[in-house]
Structures are given as C-alpha cells and as structure tokens.
C-alpha cells in the first residue's frame, strides 16, 4: 500500500501529524508520504518560501519512522494538480493500492478539483474529520460517495483504487490558517505546533505581522 497526504503545510501542525498517525495505524502502513504542493489550485499560495515549508516538515516528521516526504509537486512547474501526481504514482505502481489522505474540508470540495472523477479511479480517498466539521457533498460528489464508500478498511488493501473510507479515531482541532493568525498576533509558541516547528518559526521569525 502507498499512502500520500497532500497539502500546503503552511505550517505543518499536530493535526496533520495526528491524521497521518491514524492513517498509518488503521492501515498498518510501512510509509506515509507527506506531499507538499507548490501552487495550490484551490487555496491561496503559501506566504513563506518552499524551503521553509520543507524544513518544517522535515523537523516535524523526524521522530516518526513511518513518515517521509515526496517532493514531486515542488519539482514540477505550474499549479499542483493532484491528478498529475496520482497518475505518476499509478504508472510507477500499476497494481498497488494507493491511499490519498485528506481532511473533510478538502473532501467537501473534491468535486471542484481538476478532473476529480479521474482521481477517484486512480486511488482510494481516505477522509479525516476535524471536530465540528460536517460531510456536506454536492450532488455529484454525493453520488460518488454512495457508490464508493466502505466501512471495511481491509477492503482497500485488496483493490488498487475506487473506494472511499472515512477514517475513525481521535480528532484534534487544528487549522494552519488559525495558527498563522495567532502567530501574527502573539509571536508565542502555539500549542498545536510540534516543538521543533515552533522553534524553527521563532528562529526564522516566520508568520510575523510584517510578513
């Protein structure tokens, strides 16, 4: 099984690590790859440099033997379309199950992604829900959900793509946008950041009001 977790990670926080840990534990994964995007197609561009995001990710995942980085989207020019990365991964691993981990906010907007229906035929979608988030799919996405959803995690191990699984487990209410706002106002360590990331942000004076 191959598992990828895409995002801007601006900055990476304990919520991301919690999601990834729950995914590793549920599917007994050897490796889960964090895949930072360059120019997200559905969000504002990151406010800090790519190098800073990579350095914070490396610091955050260092204590976790099952986590690694996949930098293919940062090495590609143009918008970070998940479709392209999944097509590359599928070509590299034709018959291997691929898990694509995302939060509920991303899933609710999946039908706005570039060729989203093709994406669902390249991988399994694994969705993690933060506290207070609701599943609110629009009609096309709801149809996919009704046809693809399974509650059997093992089923994803025996098919390479096409299923939707809502990941159970402990939730942690953390959002990068809220953390950035708090850092601008207080300049203090945020309890939702790994200590190594807090130290890096302080050291390089990132997310300050003047940025």
N, C-alpha and C. Protein backbone atom coordinates (compact mmCIF):
# COMPACT_ATOMS: atom_id res chain seq x y z
N UNK A 1 0.83 -1.20 0.00
CA UNK A 1 0.00 0.00 0.00
C UNK A 1 0.87 1.25 0.00
N UNK A 2 0.42 2.25 -0.78
CA UNK A 2 1.10 3.54 -0.80
C UNK A 2 0.12 4.57 -0.28
N UNK A 3 0.55 5.42 0.63
CA UNK A 3 -0.32 6.46 1.18
C UNK A 3 0.35 7.81 1.00
N UNK A 4 -0.43 8.78 0.50
CA UNK A 4 0.09 10.13 0.35
C UNK A 4 -0.86 11.10 1.05
N UNK A 5 -0.27 12.16 1.55
CA UNK A 5 -1.01 13.20 2.28
C UNK A 5 -0.55 14.52 1.70
N UNK A 6 -1.39 15.12 0.86
CA UNK A 6 -1.02 16.36 0.20
C UNK A 6 -1.51 17.58 0.96
N UNK A 7 -0.87 18.70 0.71
CA UNK A 7 -1.30 19.94 1.35
C UNK A 7 -0.23 21.01 1.23
N UNK A 8 -0.58 22.22 1.67
CA UNK A 8 0.42 23.29 1.67
C UNK A 8 1.32 23.19 2.91
N UNK A 9 0.78 22.65 4.01
CA UNK A 9 1.55 22.51 5.26
C UNK A 9 2.22 23.84 5.61
N UNK A 10 1.39 24.85 5.80
CA UNK A 10 1.84 26.24 5.95
C UNK A 10 1.25 26.86 7.23
N UNK A 11 1.74 26.43 8.42
CA UNK A 11 2.77 25.43 8.68
C UNK A 11 2.17 24.05 8.99
N UNK A 12 3.03 23.04 8.96
CA UNK A 12 2.63 21.70 9.42
C UNK A 12 2.35 21.76 10.91
N UNK A 13 1.27 21.10 11.37
CA UNK A 13 0.89 21.18 12.78
C UNK A 13 0.52 19.80 13.33
N UNK A 14 0.19 19.75 14.61
CA UNK A 14 -0.10 18.47 15.26
C UNK A 14 -1.34 17.80 14.69
N UNK A 15 -2.27 18.58 14.15
CA UNK A 15 -3.43 18.00 13.49
C UNK A 15 -3.02 17.16 12.28
N UNK A 16 -2.08 17.68 11.49
CA UNK A 16 -1.57 16.91 10.35
C UNK A 16 -0.92 15.61 10.82
N UNK A 17 -0.09 15.71 11.84
CA UNK A 17 0.62 14.52 12.35
C UNK A 17 -0.37 13.52 12.93
N UNK A 18 -1.42 14.02 13.58
CA UNK A 18 -2.44 13.14 14.13
C UNK A 18 -3.18 12.40 13.02
N UNK A 19 -3.59 13.11 11.98
CA UNK A 19 -4.25 12.49 10.84
C UNK A 19 -3.39 11.39 10.24
N UNK A 20 -2.13 11.73 10.01
CA UNK A 20 -1.22 10.78 9.37
C UNK A 20 -0.99 9.55 10.26
N UNK A 21 -0.86 9.78 11.57
CA UNK A 21 -0.67 8.66 12.51
C UNK A 21 -1.87 7.73 12.51
N UNK A 22 -3.07 8.31 12.52
CA UNK A 22 -4.29 7.49 12.50
C UNK A 22 -4.36 6.66 11.22
N UNK A 23 -3.94 7.24 10.11
CA UNK A 23 -3.95 6.52 8.84
C UNK A 23 -2.94 5.37 8.86
N UNK A 24 -1.75 5.64 9.35
CA UNK A 24 -0.72 4.59 9.47
C UNK A 24 -1.22 3.44 10.34
N UNK A 25 -1.83 3.78 11.46
CA UNK A 25 -2.29 2.74 12.40
C UNK A 25 -3.46 1.94 11.83
N UNK A 26 -4.40 2.62 11.19
CA UNK A 26 -5.58 1.93 10.65
C UNK A 26 -5.21 0.94 9.56
N UNK A 27 -4.29 1.34 8.69
CA UNK A 27 -3.94 0.50 7.54
C UNK A 27 -2.61 -0.23 7.71
N UNK A 28 -2.02 -0.11 8.91
CA UNK A 28 -0.75 -0.79 9.20
C UNK A 28 0.29 -0.49 8.11
N UNK A 29 0.46 0.80 7.83
CA UNK A 29 1.33 1.22 6.74
C UNK A 29 2.80 1.18 7.13
N UNK A 30 3.63 0.86 6.17
CA UNK A 30 5.07 0.96 6.36
C UNK A 30 5.52 2.41 6.23
N UNK A 31 4.94 3.12 5.24
CA UNK A 31 5.33 4.51 4.98
C UNK A 31 4.12 5.32 4.54
N UNK A 32 4.03 6.52 5.04
CA UNK A 32 3.07 7.51 4.55
C UNK A 32 3.87 8.72 4.10
N UNK A 33 3.58 9.19 2.88
CA UNK A 33 4.35 10.30 2.30
C UNK A 33 3.58 11.61 2.42
N UNK A 34 4.19 12.59 3.06
CA UNK A 34 3.69 13.97 3.02
C UNK A 34 4.12 14.56 1.67
N UNK A 35 3.14 15.10 0.92
CA UNK A 35 3.42 15.62 -0.41
C UNK A 35 3.05 17.11 -0.46
N UNK A 36 3.98 17.99 -0.09
CA UNK A 36 3.67 19.43 -0.12
C UNK A 36 3.47 19.91 -1.55
N UNK A 37 2.46 20.78 -1.73
CA UNK A 37 2.20 21.31 -3.07
C UNK A 37 2.89 22.65 -3.24
N UNK A 38 3.12 23.01 -4.50
CA UNK A 38 3.81 24.25 -4.82
C UNK A 38 2.82 25.41 -4.91
N UNK A 39 1.98 25.37 -5.94
CA UNK A 39 0.96 26.40 -6.15
C UNK A 39 -0.40 25.72 -6.06
N UNK A 40 -1.03 25.72 -4.90
CA UNK A 40 -2.29 25.01 -4.77
C UNK A 40 -3.36 25.59 -5.68
N UNK A 41 -4.12 24.70 -6.31
CA UNK A 41 -5.14 25.15 -7.26
C UNK A 41 -6.38 25.69 -6.55
N UNK A 42 -6.57 25.35 -5.27
CA UNK A 42 -7.82 25.69 -4.59
C UNK A 42 -7.62 26.57 -3.36
N UNK A 43 -6.38 26.96 -3.10
CA UNK A 43 -6.11 27.81 -1.94
C UNK A 43 -5.15 28.92 -2.34
N UNK A 44 -5.01 29.89 -1.46
CA UNK A 44 -4.03 30.95 -1.70
C UNK A 44 -2.62 30.36 -1.65
N UNK A 45 -1.72 30.95 -2.40
CA UNK A 45 -0.33 30.48 -2.40
C UNK A 45 0.28 30.64 -1.01
N UNK A 46 1.17 29.73 -0.62
CA UNK A 46 1.81 29.85 0.69
C UNK A 46 2.51 31.19 0.85
N UNK A 47 2.48 31.72 2.08
CA UNK A 47 3.07 33.02 2.33
C UNK A 47 4.55 32.98 2.67
N UNK A 48 5.08 31.76 2.80
CA UNK A 48 6.51 31.62 3.10
C UNK A 48 7.15 30.78 2.01
N UNK A 49 8.47 30.70 2.03
CA UNK A 49 9.18 30.03 0.94
C UNK A 49 9.00 28.52 1.01
N UNK A 50 9.20 27.89 -0.15
CA UNK A 50 9.16 26.43 -0.23
C UNK A 50 10.20 25.81 0.69
N UNK A 51 11.38 26.41 0.74
CA UNK A 51 12.45 25.86 1.59
C UNK A 51 12.03 25.83 3.06
N UNK A 52 11.37 26.88 3.53
CA UNK A 52 10.91 26.89 4.92
C UNK A 52 9.88 25.80 5.16
N UNK A 53 8.97 25.60 4.23
CA UNK A 53 7.95 24.56 4.42
C UNK A 53 8.59 23.17 4.46
N UNK A 54 9.56 22.94 3.59
CA UNK A 54 10.26 21.64 3.59
C UNK A 54 11.02 21.44 4.90
N UNK A 55 11.71 22.48 5.35
CA UNK A 55 12.49 22.36 6.58
C UNK A 55 11.58 22.08 7.78
N UNK A 56 10.41 22.73 7.83
CA UNK A 56 9.49 22.48 8.94
C UNK A 56 8.92 21.08 8.87
N UNK A 57 8.61 20.60 7.67
CA UNK A 57 8.12 19.24 7.52
C UNK A 57 9.17 18.22 7.95
N UNK A 58 10.41 18.43 7.52
CA UNK A 58 11.48 17.52 7.93
C UNK A 58 11.63 17.48 9.44
N UNK A 59 11.54 18.66 10.08
CA UNK A 59 11.66 18.72 11.54
C UNK A 59 10.48 18.02 12.20
N UNK A 60 9.28 18.20 11.65
CA UNK A 60 8.07 17.64 12.27
C UNK A 60 8.02 16.12 12.18
N UNK A 61 8.45 15.57 11.04
CA UNK A 61 8.30 14.12 10.83
C UNK A 61 9.51 13.33 11.31
N UNK A 62 10.58 14.02 11.69
CA UNK A 62 11.81 13.33 12.09
C UNK A 62 11.59 12.25 13.16
N UNK A 63 10.74 12.48 14.18
CA UNK A 63 10.56 11.44 15.21
C UNK A 63 9.69 10.26 14.77
N UNK A 64 9.13 10.32 13.57
CA UNK A 64 8.16 9.30 13.13
C UNK A 64 8.78 8.42 12.04
N UNK A 65 9.12 7.18 12.34
CA UNK A 65 9.79 6.33 11.35
C UNK A 65 8.93 5.99 10.14
N UNK A 66 7.60 6.11 10.26
CA UNK A 66 6.72 5.75 9.15
C UNK A 66 6.45 6.91 8.20
N UNK A 67 6.94 8.10 8.53
CA UNK A 67 6.66 9.27 7.70
C UNK A 67 7.86 9.61 6.80
N UNK A 68 7.55 10.08 5.59
CA UNK A 68 8.59 10.51 4.65
C UNK A 68 8.02 11.64 3.80
N UNK A 69 8.88 12.28 3.02
CA UNK A 69 8.46 13.35 2.12
C UNK A 69 8.51 12.89 0.68
N UNK A 70 7.55 13.36 -0.11
CA UNK A 70 7.56 13.19 -1.56
C UNK A 70 7.47 14.59 -2.14
N UNK A 71 8.53 15.02 -2.80
CA UNK A 71 8.65 16.42 -3.24
C UNK A 71 8.34 16.60 -4.73
N UNK A 72 7.66 15.63 -5.33
CA UNK A 72 7.45 15.70 -6.79
C UNK A 72 6.66 16.96 -7.20
N UNK A 73 5.72 17.41 -6.36
CA UNK A 73 4.93 18.57 -6.76
C UNK A 73 5.73 19.86 -6.68
N UNK A 74 6.72 19.88 -5.78
CA UNK A 74 7.59 21.06 -5.70
C UNK A 74 8.59 21.10 -6.84
N UNK A 75 8.84 19.95 -7.43
CA UNK A 75 9.80 19.87 -8.54
C UNK A 75 9.13 20.03 -9.90
N UNK A 76 7.82 20.23 -9.89
CA UNK A 76 7.05 20.39 -11.11
C UNK A 76 6.67 21.86 -11.27
N UNK A 77 6.61 22.36 -12.50
CA UNK A 77 6.19 23.74 -12.71
C UNK A 77 4.68 23.79 -12.88
N UNK A 78 4.11 24.94 -12.59
CA UNK A 78 2.67 25.12 -12.74
C UNK A 78 1.90 24.74 -11.50
N UNK A 79 0.58 24.83 -11.56
CA UNK A 79 -0.27 24.50 -10.39
C UNK A 79 -0.09 23.06 -9.95
N UNK A 80 -0.30 22.82 -8.66
CA UNK A 80 -0.13 21.48 -8.09
C UNK A 80 -1.44 20.70 -8.24
N UNK A 81 -1.65 20.12 -9.39
CA UNK A 81 -2.82 19.29 -9.59
C UNK A 81 -2.56 17.89 -9.04
N UNK A 82 -3.39 17.46 -8.10
CA UNK A 82 -3.21 16.13 -7.52
C UNK A 82 -3.30 15.05 -8.58
N UNK A 83 -4.09 15.30 -9.63
CA UNK A 83 -4.24 14.32 -10.71
C UNK A 83 -2.88 13.91 -11.27
N UNK A 84 -2.00 14.88 -11.50
CA UNK A 84 -0.70 14.58 -12.12
C UNK A 84 0.14 13.67 -11.23
N UNK A 85 0.15 13.97 -9.94
CA UNK A 85 0.94 13.15 -9.01
C UNK A 85 0.38 11.73 -8.93
N UNK A 86 -0.94 11.63 -8.89
CA UNK A 86 -1.56 10.30 -8.81
C UNK A 86 -1.36 9.51 -10.09
N UNK A 87 -1.37 10.18 -11.23
CA UNK A 87 -1.08 9.49 -12.49
C UNK A 87 0.35 8.97 -12.50
N UNK A 88 1.28 9.77 -11.99
CA UNK A 88 2.67 9.33 -11.92
C UNK A 88 2.81 8.14 -10.98
N UNK A 89 2.18 8.23 -9.81
CA UNK A 89 2.25 7.13 -8.84
C UNK A 89 1.63 5.86 -9.39
N UNK A 90 0.51 6.00 -10.09
CA UNK A 90 -0.15 4.82 -10.66
C UNK A 90 0.71 4.19 -11.73
N UNK A 91 1.40 5.01 -12.52
CA UNK A 91 2.31 4.47 -13.55
C UNK A 91 3.48 3.73 -12.91
N UNK A 92 3.95 4.25 -11.77
CA UNK A 92 5.07 3.62 -11.07
C UNK A 92 4.65 2.34 -10.36
N UNK A 93 3.39 2.28 -9.93
CA UNK A 93 2.88 1.15 -9.15
C UNK A 93 1.51 0.73 -9.71
N UNK A 94 1.50 0.02 -10.84
CA UNK A 94 0.24 -0.23 -11.55
C UNK A 94 -0.83 -0.97 -10.74
N UNK A 95 -0.43 -1.86 -9.86
CA UNK A 95 -1.42 -2.71 -9.18
C UNK A 95 -1.46 -2.52 -7.67
N UNK A 96 -0.75 -1.52 -7.16
CA UNK A 96 -0.66 -1.31 -5.72
C UNK A 96 -1.79 -0.39 -5.25
N UNK A 97 -2.46 -0.73 -4.15
CA UNK A 97 -3.44 0.21 -3.60
C UNK A 97 -2.78 1.53 -3.22
N UNK A 98 -3.39 2.64 -3.63
CA UNK A 98 -2.90 3.97 -3.29
C UNK A 98 -3.96 4.66 -2.44
N UNK A 99 -3.56 5.13 -1.27
CA UNK A 99 -4.46 5.88 -0.39
C UNK A 99 -4.13 7.36 -0.51
N UNK A 100 -5.16 8.18 -0.67
CA UNK A 100 -5.00 9.63 -0.76
C UNK A 100 -5.72 10.22 0.44
N UNK A 101 -4.94 10.63 1.45
CA UNK A 101 -5.49 11.14 2.70
C UNK A 101 -5.82 12.63 2.58
N UNK A 102 -7.01 13.01 3.05
CA UNK A 102 -7.41 14.42 3.04
C UNK A 102 -8.35 14.70 4.19
N UNK A 103 -8.50 15.97 4.52
CA UNK A 103 -9.44 16.38 5.55
C UNK A 103 -10.84 16.53 4.99
N UNK A 104 -11.83 16.64 5.88
CA UNK A 104 -13.22 16.76 5.45
C UNK A 104 -13.45 18.02 4.63
N UNK A 105 -12.75 19.11 4.95
CA UNK A 105 -12.92 20.35 4.19
C UNK A 105 -12.51 20.14 2.73
N UNK A 106 -11.42 19.40 2.53
CA UNK A 106 -10.99 19.10 1.16
C UNK A 106 -11.98 18.18 0.47
N UNK A 107 -12.47 17.17 1.19
CA UNK A 107 -13.41 16.24 0.58
C UNK A 107 -14.70 16.95 0.14
N UNK A 108 -15.19 17.86 0.97
CA UNK A 108 -16.43 18.57 0.63
C UNK A 108 -16.30 19.38 -0.65
N UNK A 109 -15.06 19.70 -1.04
CA UNK A 109 -14.82 20.47 -2.26
C UNK A 109 -14.15 19.64 -3.36
N UNK A 110 -14.13 18.34 -3.18
CA UNK A 110 -13.42 17.48 -4.14
C UNK A 110 -13.99 17.61 -5.55
N UNK A 111 -15.29 17.86 -5.66
CA UNK A 111 -15.91 17.96 -6.98
C UNK A 111 -15.50 19.24 -7.72
N UNK A 112 -14.76 20.11 -7.06
CA UNK A 112 -14.23 21.30 -7.72
C UNK A 112 -12.78 21.10 -8.20
N UNK A 113 -12.19 19.95 -7.86
CA UNK A 113 -10.81 19.67 -8.23
C UNK A 113 -10.72 19.34 -9.72
N UNK A 114 -9.56 19.56 -10.26
CA UNK A 114 -9.29 19.27 -11.67
C UNK A 114 -9.46 17.77 -11.93
N UNK A 115 -10.40 17.43 -12.81
CA UNK A 115 -10.67 16.04 -13.19
C UNK A 115 -10.82 15.13 -11.96
N UNK A 116 -11.66 15.55 -11.04
CA UNK A 116 -11.78 14.84 -9.77
C UNK A 116 -12.27 13.41 -9.94
N UNK A 117 -13.12 13.17 -10.93
CA UNK A 117 -13.63 11.81 -11.10
C UNK A 117 -12.54 10.86 -11.59
N UNK A 118 -11.59 11.40 -12.35
CA UNK A 118 -10.44 10.58 -12.75
C UNK A 118 -9.58 10.26 -11.53
N UNK A 119 -9.45 11.22 -10.62
CA UNK A 119 -8.69 11.00 -9.39
C UNK A 119 -9.24 9.79 -8.62
N UNK A 120 -10.57 9.69 -8.55
CA UNK A 120 -11.18 8.60 -7.77
C UNK A 120 -10.95 7.23 -8.42
N UNK A 121 -10.52 7.22 -9.68
CA UNK A 121 -10.20 5.95 -10.35
C UNK A 121 -8.70 5.66 -10.36
N UNK A 122 -7.95 6.47 -9.64
CA UNK A 122 -6.51 6.25 -9.51
C UNK A 122 -6.12 5.83 -8.10
N UNK A 123 -7.01 6.08 -7.13
CA UNK A 123 -6.64 5.86 -5.73
C UNK A 123 -7.91 5.63 -4.90
N UNK A 124 -7.70 5.27 -3.66
CA UNK A 124 -8.76 5.30 -2.65
C UNK A 124 -8.70 6.66 -1.95
N UNK A 125 -9.85 7.26 -1.68
CA UNK A 125 -9.91 8.50 -0.92
C UNK A 125 -10.15 8.16 0.55
N UNK A 126 -9.27 8.64 1.41
CA UNK A 126 -9.39 8.43 2.85
C UNK A 126 -9.59 9.80 3.49
N UNK A 127 -10.70 9.96 4.21
CA UNK A 127 -11.10 11.28 4.72
C UNK A 127 -11.05 11.30 6.24
N UNK A 128 -10.43 12.36 6.77
CA UNK A 128 -10.35 12.55 8.21
C UNK A 128 -11.13 13.80 8.60
N UNK A 129 -11.84 13.72 9.70
CA UNK A 129 -12.79 14.78 10.07
C UNK A 129 -12.35 15.49 11.33
N UNK A 130 -12.21 16.83 11.24
CA UNK A 130 -11.90 17.63 12.42
C UNK A 130 -13.17 17.87 13.22
N UNK A 131 -13.05 18.19 14.51
CA UNK A 131 -14.23 18.47 15.33
C UNK A 131 -15.10 19.56 14.71
N UNK A 132 -16.40 19.32 14.69
CA UNK A 132 -17.33 20.32 14.19
C UNK A 132 -17.50 20.33 12.69
N UNK A 133 -16.69 19.56 11.96
CA UNK A 133 -16.83 19.52 10.51
C UNK A 133 -17.93 18.55 10.10
N UNK A 134 -18.70 18.94 9.11
CA UNK A 134 -19.78 18.10 8.62
C UNK A 134 -19.47 17.65 7.19
N UNK A 135 -19.94 16.47 6.87
CA UNK A 135 -19.85 16.00 5.49
C UNK A 135 -21.02 16.59 4.72
N UNK A 136 -20.74 17.47 3.76
CA UNK A 136 -21.81 18.16 3.04
C UNK A 136 -21.53 18.13 1.54
N UNK A 137 -21.58 16.95 0.93
CA UNK A 137 -21.27 16.84 -0.51
C UNK A 137 -22.37 17.39 -1.39
N UNK A 138 -21.96 17.99 -2.50
CA UNK A 138 -22.91 18.39 -3.53
C UNK A 138 -23.36 17.15 -4.32
N UNK A 139 -24.39 17.27 -5.18
CA UNK A 139 -25.00 16.07 -5.79
C UNK A 139 -24.03 15.10 -6.45
N UNK A 140 -23.12 15.60 -7.30
CA UNK A 140 -22.20 14.69 -8.00
C UNK A 140 -21.30 13.95 -7.02
N UNK A 141 -20.82 14.68 -6.02
CA UNK A 141 -19.94 14.08 -5.02
C UNK A 141 -20.73 13.10 -4.14
N UNK A 142 -21.99 13.41 -3.87
CA UNK A 142 -22.83 12.52 -3.08
C UNK A 142 -23.06 11.20 -3.80
N UNK A 143 -23.22 11.27 -5.12
CA UNK A 143 -23.39 10.04 -5.91
C UNK A 143 -22.13 9.17 -5.82
N UNK A 144 -20.97 9.79 -5.98
CA UNK A 144 -19.71 9.05 -5.81
C UNK A 144 -19.64 8.43 -4.42
N UNK A 145 -19.99 9.21 -3.41
CA UNK A 145 -19.94 8.76 -2.02
C UNK A 145 -20.82 7.52 -1.82
N UNK A 146 -22.03 7.55 -2.34
CA UNK A 146 -22.96 6.44 -2.17
C UNK A 146 -22.44 5.17 -2.84
N UNK A 147 -21.74 5.34 -3.97
CA UNK A 147 -21.25 4.18 -4.72
C UNK A 147 -19.92 3.65 -4.21
N UNK A 148 -19.10 4.54 -3.62
CA UNK A 148 -17.72 4.17 -3.31
C UNK A 148 -17.45 3.89 -1.83
N UNK A 149 -18.29 4.40 -0.94
CA UNK A 149 -17.96 4.33 0.49
C UNK A 149 -17.99 2.91 1.02
N UNK A 150 -17.01 2.60 1.85
CA UNK A 150 -16.96 1.32 2.57
C UNK A 150 -16.52 1.59 4.00
N UNK A 151 -16.99 0.75 4.91
CA UNK A 151 -16.56 0.83 6.30
C UNK A 151 -15.52 -0.23 6.63
N UNK A 152 -15.11 -0.98 5.62
CA UNK A 152 -14.16 -2.08 5.80
C UNK A 152 -12.78 -1.62 5.32
N UNK A 153 -11.91 -1.27 6.26
CA UNK A 153 -10.58 -0.79 5.90
C UNK A 153 -9.79 -1.84 5.12
N UNK A 154 -10.00 -3.12 5.46
CA UNK A 154 -9.25 -4.18 4.78
C UNK A 154 -9.58 -4.26 3.30
N UNK A 155 -10.79 -3.85 2.95
CA UNK A 155 -11.20 -3.93 1.55
C UNK A 155 -10.29 -3.09 0.67
N UNK A 156 -9.77 -1.99 1.22
CA UNK A 156 -8.89 -1.12 0.45
C UNK A 156 -7.54 -1.77 0.17
N UNK A 157 -7.19 -2.76 0.97
CA UNK A 157 -5.92 -3.44 0.76
C UNK A 157 -5.96 -4.38 -0.43
N UNK A 158 -7.16 -4.79 -0.83
CA UNK A 158 -7.29 -5.81 -1.87
C UNK A 158 -7.73 -5.25 -3.21
N UNK A 159 -8.00 -3.96 -3.27
CA UNK A 159 -8.34 -3.31 -4.52
C UNK A 159 -7.44 -2.09 -4.69
N UNK A 160 -6.98 -1.79 -5.90
CA UNK A 160 -6.00 -0.71 -6.06
C UNK A 160 -6.57 0.69 -5.98
N UNK A 161 -7.88 0.85 -6.23
CA UNK A 161 -8.44 2.21 -6.29
C UNK A 161 -9.96 2.12 -6.20
N UNK A 162 -10.60 3.30 -6.11
CA UNK A 162 -12.04 3.39 -6.31
C UNK A 162 -12.91 3.46 -5.07
N UNK A 163 -12.32 3.31 -3.87
CA UNK A 163 -13.12 3.29 -2.65
C UNK A 163 -12.96 4.57 -1.85
N UNK A 164 -13.94 4.82 -1.00
CA UNK A 164 -13.96 5.98 -0.11
C UNK A 164 -14.10 5.47 1.32
N UNK A 165 -13.19 5.94 2.19
CA UNK A 165 -13.19 5.47 3.58
C UNK A 165 -13.07 6.66 4.52
N UNK A 166 -13.98 6.74 5.48
CA UNK A 166 -13.90 7.79 6.49
C UNK A 166 -13.14 7.25 7.69
N UNK A 167 -12.02 7.89 7.98
CA UNK A 167 -11.06 7.39 8.95
C UNK A 167 -11.50 7.71 10.38
N UNK A 168 -11.75 6.69 11.19
CA UNK A 168 -12.13 6.95 12.58
C UNK A 168 -10.90 7.23 13.43
N UNK A 169 -11.14 7.72 14.63
CA UNK A 169 -10.02 7.92 15.54
C UNK A 169 -10.08 9.27 16.22
N UNK A 170 -9.10 9.51 17.06
CA UNK A 170 -9.03 10.75 17.83
C UNK A 170 -8.89 11.94 16.88
N UNK A 171 -9.67 12.98 17.13
CA UNK A 171 -9.57 14.19 16.32
C UNK A 171 -8.91 15.31 17.11
N UNK A 172 -8.21 16.16 16.41
CA UNK A 172 -7.54 17.30 17.02
C UNK A 172 -7.89 18.53 16.20
N UNK A 173 -8.46 19.51 16.85
CA UNK A 173 -8.95 20.70 16.15
C UNK A 173 -7.80 21.66 15.89
N UNK A 174 -7.21 21.56 14.72
CA UNK A 174 -6.09 22.42 14.36
C UNK A 174 -6.23 22.81 12.90
N UNK A 175 -5.95 24.07 12.60
CA UNK A 175 -6.01 24.57 11.22
C UNK A 175 -4.85 25.53 11.01
N UNK A 176 -4.15 25.35 9.89
CA UNK A 176 -2.99 26.19 9.62
C UNK A 176 -3.36 27.67 9.57
N UNK A 177 -4.52 27.99 8.98
CA UNK A 177 -4.91 29.40 8.85
C UNK A 177 -5.07 30.05 10.22
N UNK A 178 -5.69 29.34 11.17
CA UNK A 178 -5.87 29.89 12.52
C UNK A 178 -4.53 30.04 13.23
N UNK A 179 -3.65 29.07 13.03
CA UNK A 179 -2.33 29.13 13.66
C UNK A 179 -1.54 30.32 13.12
N UNK A 180 -1.61 30.55 11.82
CA UNK A 180 -0.90 31.70 11.23
C UNK A 180 -1.41 33.01 11.83
N UNK A 181 -2.72 33.12 11.97
CA UNK A 181 -3.29 34.34 12.53
C UNK A 181 -2.83 34.55 13.97
N UNK A 182 -2.79 33.47 14.74
CA UNK A 182 -2.38 33.60 16.14
C UNK A 182 -0.91 34.00 16.24
N UNK A 183 -0.08 33.41 15.36
CA UNK A 183 1.35 33.73 15.39
C UNK A 183 1.58 35.20 15.03
N UNK A 184 0.78 35.74 14.13
CA UNK A 184 0.92 37.16 13.77
C UNK A 184 0.60 38.06 14.96
N UNK A 185 -0.35 37.64 15.78
CA UNK A 185 -0.81 38.49 16.88
C UNK A 185 0.04 38.37 18.14
N UNK A 186 0.57 37.18 18.41
CA UNK A 186 1.19 36.96 19.72
C UNK A 186 2.69 36.69 19.67
N UNK A 187 3.17 36.15 18.54
CA UNK A 187 4.59 35.76 18.42
C UNK A 187 4.99 34.69 19.44
N UNK A 188 4.01 34.03 20.05
CA UNK A 188 4.31 32.99 21.04
C UNK A 188 4.20 31.62 20.42
N UNK A 189 4.83 30.62 21.07
CA UNK A 189 4.71 29.25 20.61
C UNK A 189 3.24 28.83 20.64
N UNK A 190 2.83 28.13 19.62
CA UNK A 190 1.46 27.65 19.54
C UNK A 190 1.41 26.20 20.00
N UNK A 191 0.47 25.89 20.89
CA UNK A 191 0.40 24.53 21.45
C UNK A 191 0.01 23.49 20.41
N UNK A 192 -0.46 23.93 19.24
CA UNK A 192 -0.84 22.99 18.20
C UNK A 192 0.30 22.73 17.21
N UNK A 193 1.47 23.26 17.50
CA UNK A 193 2.65 23.02 16.67
C UNK A 193 3.62 22.08 17.38
N UNK A 194 4.29 21.19 16.65
CA UNK A 194 5.39 20.44 17.26
C UNK A 194 6.45 21.42 17.77
N UNK A 195 7.12 21.05 18.85
CA UNK A 195 8.14 21.94 19.42
C UNK A 195 9.20 22.31 18.40
N UNK A 196 9.58 21.34 17.56
CA UNK A 196 10.63 21.60 16.57
C UNK A 196 10.18 22.64 15.55
N UNK A 197 8.89 22.63 15.21
CA UNK A 197 8.36 23.60 14.25
C UNK A 197 8.23 24.97 14.91
N UNK A 198 7.78 25.00 16.16
CA UNK A 198 7.72 26.28 16.89
C UNK A 198 9.10 26.92 16.97
N UNK A 199 10.10 26.10 17.27
CA UNK A 199 11.47 26.61 17.37
C UNK A 199 11.93 27.16 16.02
N UNK A 200 11.61 26.45 14.95
CA UNK A 200 12.03 26.89 13.62
C UNK A 200 11.36 28.22 13.25
N UNK A 201 10.06 28.31 13.53
CA UNK A 201 9.33 29.55 13.24
C UNK A 201 9.91 30.73 14.01
N UNK A 202 10.23 30.49 15.29
CA UNK A 202 10.81 31.56 16.11
C UNK A 202 12.20 31.94 15.62
N UNK A 203 12.97 30.94 15.28
CA UNK A 203 14.34 31.16 14.82
C UNK A 203 14.38 32.01 13.54
N UNK A 204 13.43 31.76 12.64
CA UNK A 204 13.43 32.44 11.34
C UNK A 204 12.38 33.56 11.27
N UNK A 205 11.71 33.81 12.42
CA UNK A 205 10.74 34.90 12.52
C UNK A 205 9.68 34.84 11.40
N UNK A 206 9.11 33.65 11.25
CA UNK A 206 8.09 33.45 10.22
C UNK A 206 6.71 33.84 10.76
N UNK A 207 5.81 34.16 9.83
CA UNK A 207 4.40 34.47 10.13
C UNK A 207 4.26 35.68 11.06
N UNK A 208 5.19 36.60 10.97
CA UNK A 208 5.07 37.82 11.76
C UNK A 208 4.18 38.80 11.02
N UNK A 209 3.69 39.81 11.73
CA UNK A 209 2.72 40.74 11.16
C UNK A 209 3.29 41.49 9.96
N UNK A 210 4.59 41.60 9.87
CA UNK A 210 5.20 42.31 8.76
C UNK A 210 5.45 41.47 7.54
N UNK A 211 5.17 40.13 7.66
CA UNK A 211 5.44 39.26 6.51
C UNK A 211 4.53 39.59 5.33
